[in-house]
Protein backbone atom coordinates (compact mmCIF):
# COMPACT_ATOMS: atom_id res chain seq x y z
CA MET A 1 11.22 24.18 74.43
CA GLU A 2 10.60 27.54 76.05
CA GLN A 3 7.67 29.53 74.68
CA ASP A 4 9.80 32.62 74.09
CA ILE A 5 12.39 30.85 71.93
CA GLN A 6 11.64 31.34 68.25
CA GLU A 7 12.27 28.37 65.98
CA ILE A 8 14.88 29.02 63.32
CA ARG A 9 13.24 28.42 59.96
CA VAL A 10 15.70 26.71 57.59
CA LEU A 11 15.51 26.26 53.83
CA LEU A 12 17.66 23.51 52.28
CA VAL A 13 18.98 24.00 48.73
CA ASP A 14 20.85 21.09 47.15
CA ASP A 15 20.33 19.05 43.99
CA GLN A 16 21.12 15.75 45.73
CA HIS A 17 18.16 14.12 47.52
CA LEU A 18 20.38 12.16 49.91
CA VAL A 19 22.18 15.32 51.00
CA ARG A 20 18.90 17.11 51.68
CA HIS A 21 17.60 14.07 53.57
CA GLY A 22 20.65 14.05 55.84
CA LEU A 23 20.47 17.78 56.44
CA ARG A 24 16.76 17.60 57.18
CA PHE A 25 17.32 14.84 59.74
CA ILE A 26 20.03 16.87 61.53
CA ILE A 27 18.09 20.17 61.50
CA ASN A 28 14.74 18.73 62.57
CA ALA A 29 16.41 16.89 65.45
CA GLN A 30 17.14 20.28 67.07
CA GLN A 31 14.57 21.81 69.40
CA ASP A 32 15.24 25.35 68.21
CA MET A 33 15.05 24.88 64.43
CA LYS A 34 13.06 23.22 61.69
CA VAL A 35 13.23 22.72 57.92
CA VAL A 36 10.48 24.75 56.25
CA GLY A 37 11.32 23.88 52.64
CA GLU A 38 13.65 22.14 50.23
CA ALA A 39 14.78 23.13 46.75
CA GLY A 40 16.84 21.28 44.16
CA GLY A 41 18.26 24.36 42.44
CA GLY A 42 18.81 28.07 42.68
CA HIS A 43 15.75 29.18 40.71
CA GLU A 44 13.43 27.06 42.81
CA ALA A 45 15.17 28.28 45.97
CA VAL A 46 14.41 31.93 45.21
CA ARG A 47 10.77 31.18 44.45
CA LEU A 48 10.31 28.97 47.51
CA ALA A 49 12.10 31.36 49.86
CA ALA A 50 9.63 34.10 48.95
CA GLU A 51 6.82 31.76 50.04
CA VAL A 52 8.20 30.18 53.22
CA ARG A 53 10.38 33.13 54.34
CA PRO A 54 13.21 31.22 56.05
CA HIS A 55 15.55 32.72 58.60
CA VAL A 56 18.53 30.72 57.30
CA VAL A 57 19.24 29.10 53.92
CA LEU A 58 21.80 26.32 53.49
CA MET A 59 22.83 26.82 49.86
CA ASP A 60 24.78 24.50 47.60
CA VAL A 61 26.90 26.13 44.89
CA GLN A 62 27.01 23.96 41.78
CA MET A 63 23.50 22.94 40.72
CA GLU A 64 22.13 22.43 37.22
CA ALA A 65 18.83 24.12 38.03
CA GLY A 66 20.29 27.48 38.97
CA ASP A 67 23.66 28.49 40.43
CA GLY A 68 23.72 28.84 44.22
CA LEU A 69 25.77 32.03 44.24
CA GLU A 70 23.44 33.76 41.80
CA ALA A 71 20.48 32.54 43.84
CA THR A 72 22.08 34.02 46.97
CA ALA A 73 22.32 37.44 45.34
CA GLU A 74 18.66 37.22 44.23
CA LEU A 75 17.56 36.15 47.72
CA MET A 76 19.26 39.18 49.25
CA LYS A 77 17.16 41.42 47.02
CA ILE A 78 13.80 39.97 48.04
CA LEU A 79 14.63 38.87 51.62
CA PRO A 80 17.45 41.09 52.87
CA ASP A 81 17.10 39.82 56.45
CA CYS A 82 17.52 36.18 55.41
CA LYS A 83 20.90 34.61 56.23
CA VAL A 84 22.56 32.40 53.60
CA VAL A 85 25.26 29.88 54.46
CA ILE A 86 27.06 28.39 51.47
CA LEU A 87 27.31 24.62 52.00
CA THR A 88 29.54 22.93 49.46
CA THR A 89 32.05 20.18 48.78
CA PHE A 90 34.61 22.65 47.44
CA ASP A 91 36.97 24.66 49.65
CA HIS A 92 37.55 27.11 46.84
CA GLU A 93 38.80 30.70 47.16
CA ASP A 94 36.65 32.00 44.32
CA TYR A 95 33.49 30.59 45.86
CA VAL A 96 34.22 32.23 49.20
CA TYR A 97 34.85 35.61 47.56
CA LYS A 98 31.76 35.42 45.36
CA GLY A 99 29.68 34.19 48.30
CA ILE A 100 30.67 37.20 50.41
CA ARG A 101 29.97 39.57 47.54
CA ALA A 102 26.57 37.93 46.95
CA GLY A 103 25.61 38.45 50.59
CA ALA A 104 26.22 35.06 52.22
CA VAL A 105 27.13 35.21 55.91
CA GLY A 106 28.94 31.88 55.93
CA TYR A 107 30.79 29.17 54.05
CA LEU A 108 30.79 25.61 55.32
CA LEU A 109 31.96 22.32 53.86
CA LYS A 110 29.64 19.34 53.53
CA ASP A 111 32.02 17.15 55.53
CA ALA A 112 31.48 19.35 58.60
CA ALA A 113 30.37 17.55 61.75
CA PRO A 114 26.63 17.75 62.59
CA ASP A 115 27.39 19.87 65.67
CA GLU A 116 29.35 22.31 63.51
CA LEU A 117 26.46 22.52 61.06
CA VAL A 118 23.81 23.35 63.66
CA ASP A 119 26.18 25.80 65.37
CA ALA A 120 26.63 27.52 61.99
CA VAL A 121 22.85 27.78 61.54
CA ARG A 122 22.48 29.35 64.99
CA ALA A 123 25.40 31.72 64.38
CA ALA A 124 23.99 32.78 61.01
CA TYR A 125 20.60 33.40 62.61
CA ARG A 126 22.34 35.72 65.10
CA GLY A 127 23.91 37.56 62.18
CA GLU A 128 27.44 36.28 62.71
CA ALA A 129 29.90 35.50 59.91
CA ILE A 130 30.93 31.86 59.62
CA TYR A 131 34.01 31.31 57.44
CA ARG A 132 35.73 28.39 59.18
CA THR A 133 37.06 26.17 56.43
CA ALA A 134 40.66 24.99 56.45
CA VAL A 135 41.80 27.84 54.21
CA ALA A 136 39.50 30.57 55.55
CA ALA A 137 42.18 33.10 56.53
CA LYS A 138 44.08 32.65 53.28
CA VAL A 139 40.89 32.72 51.24
CA ILE A 140 39.64 35.98 52.71
CA GLY A 141 43.03 37.59 52.12
CA LEU A 142 43.07 36.43 48.51
CA ALA A 143 39.48 37.51 48.04
CA ILE A 144 40.34 41.03 49.13
CA ARG A 145 43.40 41.15 46.90
CA SER A 146 41.15 40.30 43.95
CA THR A 147 38.63 43.00 44.84
CA PRO A 148 38.72 45.80 42.25
CA SER A 149 40.40 48.95 43.55
CA HIS A 150 37.91 51.57 44.72
CA SER A 151 39.82 54.65 43.62
CA ASP A 152 36.66 56.72 43.54
CA SER A 153 36.77 58.44 46.93
CA MET A 154 33.04 59.14 46.75
CA LYS A 155 32.29 55.43 47.12
CA GLU A 156 34.34 55.25 50.29
CA THR A 157 32.85 58.47 51.61
CA VAL A 158 29.28 57.30 51.07
CA ALA A 159 29.99 53.96 52.78
CA ASN A 160 31.79 55.73 55.63
CA GLU A 161 28.97 58.18 56.14
CA GLN A 162 26.51 55.30 56.57
CA LEU A 163 28.29 54.32 59.80
CA PRO A 164 27.13 55.64 63.18
CA GLU A 165 30.67 57.02 63.50
CA ARG A 166 33.08 57.57 60.62
CA PHE A 167 36.34 55.66 60.47
CA THR A 168 39.45 57.70 61.08
CA GLY A 169 42.31 57.43 58.60
CA ARG A 170 44.29 55.23 60.98
CA GLU A 171 41.30 52.97 61.62
CA LEU A 172 40.94 52.44 57.87
CA GLU A 173 44.61 51.47 57.67
CA VAL A 174 44.20 48.99 60.54
CA LEU A 175 41.02 47.55 59.01
CA GLN A 176 42.80 47.00 55.70
CA GLN A 177 45.68 45.19 57.39
CA MET A 178 43.23 43.07 59.41
CA ALA A 179 41.63 42.11 56.12
CA TYR A 180 44.96 40.87 54.77
CA GLY A 181 45.16 38.50 57.73
CA LEU A 182 47.79 40.35 59.80
CA ARG A 183 47.84 39.88 63.56
CA ASN A 184 47.98 42.86 65.91
CA GLU A 185 51.75 42.67 66.40
CA GLU A 186 52.28 42.50 62.63
CA ILE A 187 50.00 45.48 62.06
CA ALA A 188 51.92 47.40 64.71
CA ARG A 189 55.23 46.76 62.95
CA LYS A 190 53.85 47.59 59.52
CA LEU A 191 52.23 50.87 60.62
CA PHE A 192 55.00 51.80 63.08
CA ILE A 193 52.65 52.07 66.04
CA GLY A 194 52.39 50.25 69.36
CA GLU A 195 50.54 46.97 69.66
CA SER A 196 48.33 48.44 72.40
CA THR A 197 47.37 51.21 69.98
CA VAL A 198 46.42 48.62 67.37
CA LYS A 199 44.23 46.83 69.92
CA THR A 200 42.47 50.11 70.67
CA HIS A 201 41.85 50.74 66.97
CA VAL A 202 40.54 47.19 66.47
CA HIS A 203 38.18 47.60 69.40
CA ARG A 204 36.87 50.88 68.00
CA ILE A 205 36.40 49.37 64.53
CA LEU A 206 34.34 46.50 65.90
CA GLN A 207 32.26 48.95 67.92
CA LYS A 208 31.60 51.23 64.96
CA ILE A 209 30.37 48.49 62.66
CA GLN A 210 28.67 46.66 65.54
CA VAL A 211 30.28 43.24 65.07
CA GLU A 212 31.92 40.88 67.54
CA ASP A 213 34.99 39.53 65.77
CA ARG A 214 37.64 40.22 63.13
CA THR A 215 36.10 37.90 60.51
CA GLN A 216 32.86 39.85 60.54
CA ALA A 217 34.85 43.07 60.23
CA VAL A 218 36.67 41.70 57.18
CA VAL A 219 33.39 40.66 55.55
CA PHE A 220 32.08 44.17 56.18
CA ALA A 221 35.22 45.66 54.61
CA ILE A 222 34.88 43.56 51.45
CA ARG A 223 31.20 44.33 50.96
CA ASN A 224 31.55 48.05 51.51
CA GLY A 225 34.69 48.79 49.51
CA PHE A 226 36.93 49.82 52.41
CA VAL A 227 39.78 47.59 51.27
CA LYS A 228 42.05 48.66 48.40
């Protein structure tokens, strides 16, 4: 391994020993990552994360010793730069929505292939969003529809002012339609503008929030109240 490549420090959180054993074997087999700790529940995960300071946490959801989603929210308070990937058996819309709101950057099923798992760890470490389950597009759309309406314009203004460049009114409209899962041609028809114009707006949106793809833009929109 090259000297200048930093190892990705991974914390495993799952209440099943066999699951943790399998994950540890896969992670430690990679040259660019290593398991720095294991926890059997959410409470232990928060305590241990503060000690070992992982780059990425693979977090189960349903655990008797502390809920994984609540633990994710707590982790974000004490280690805001840590990246949490929800790793669960359940491809459930509510879990995806709550995971995004808690601060997780990804949602992966336990039946994912080993290559997909390690790719997700690397992507999370880079700060990318990983929502690639079978119902990901539908789930994100439903998650946004269940987001409480942010009628208070001050909330939107504050969030908008935190950007390097403010969104224009049209960019906000395009971002909202992206969040509902519409493709460029569908957005163009809905907003009565050309598809090339939509592509320009999408490009500008990604630039302004400094992300690389539409999924990351949607996650940003949910977290910051830009979607009504």
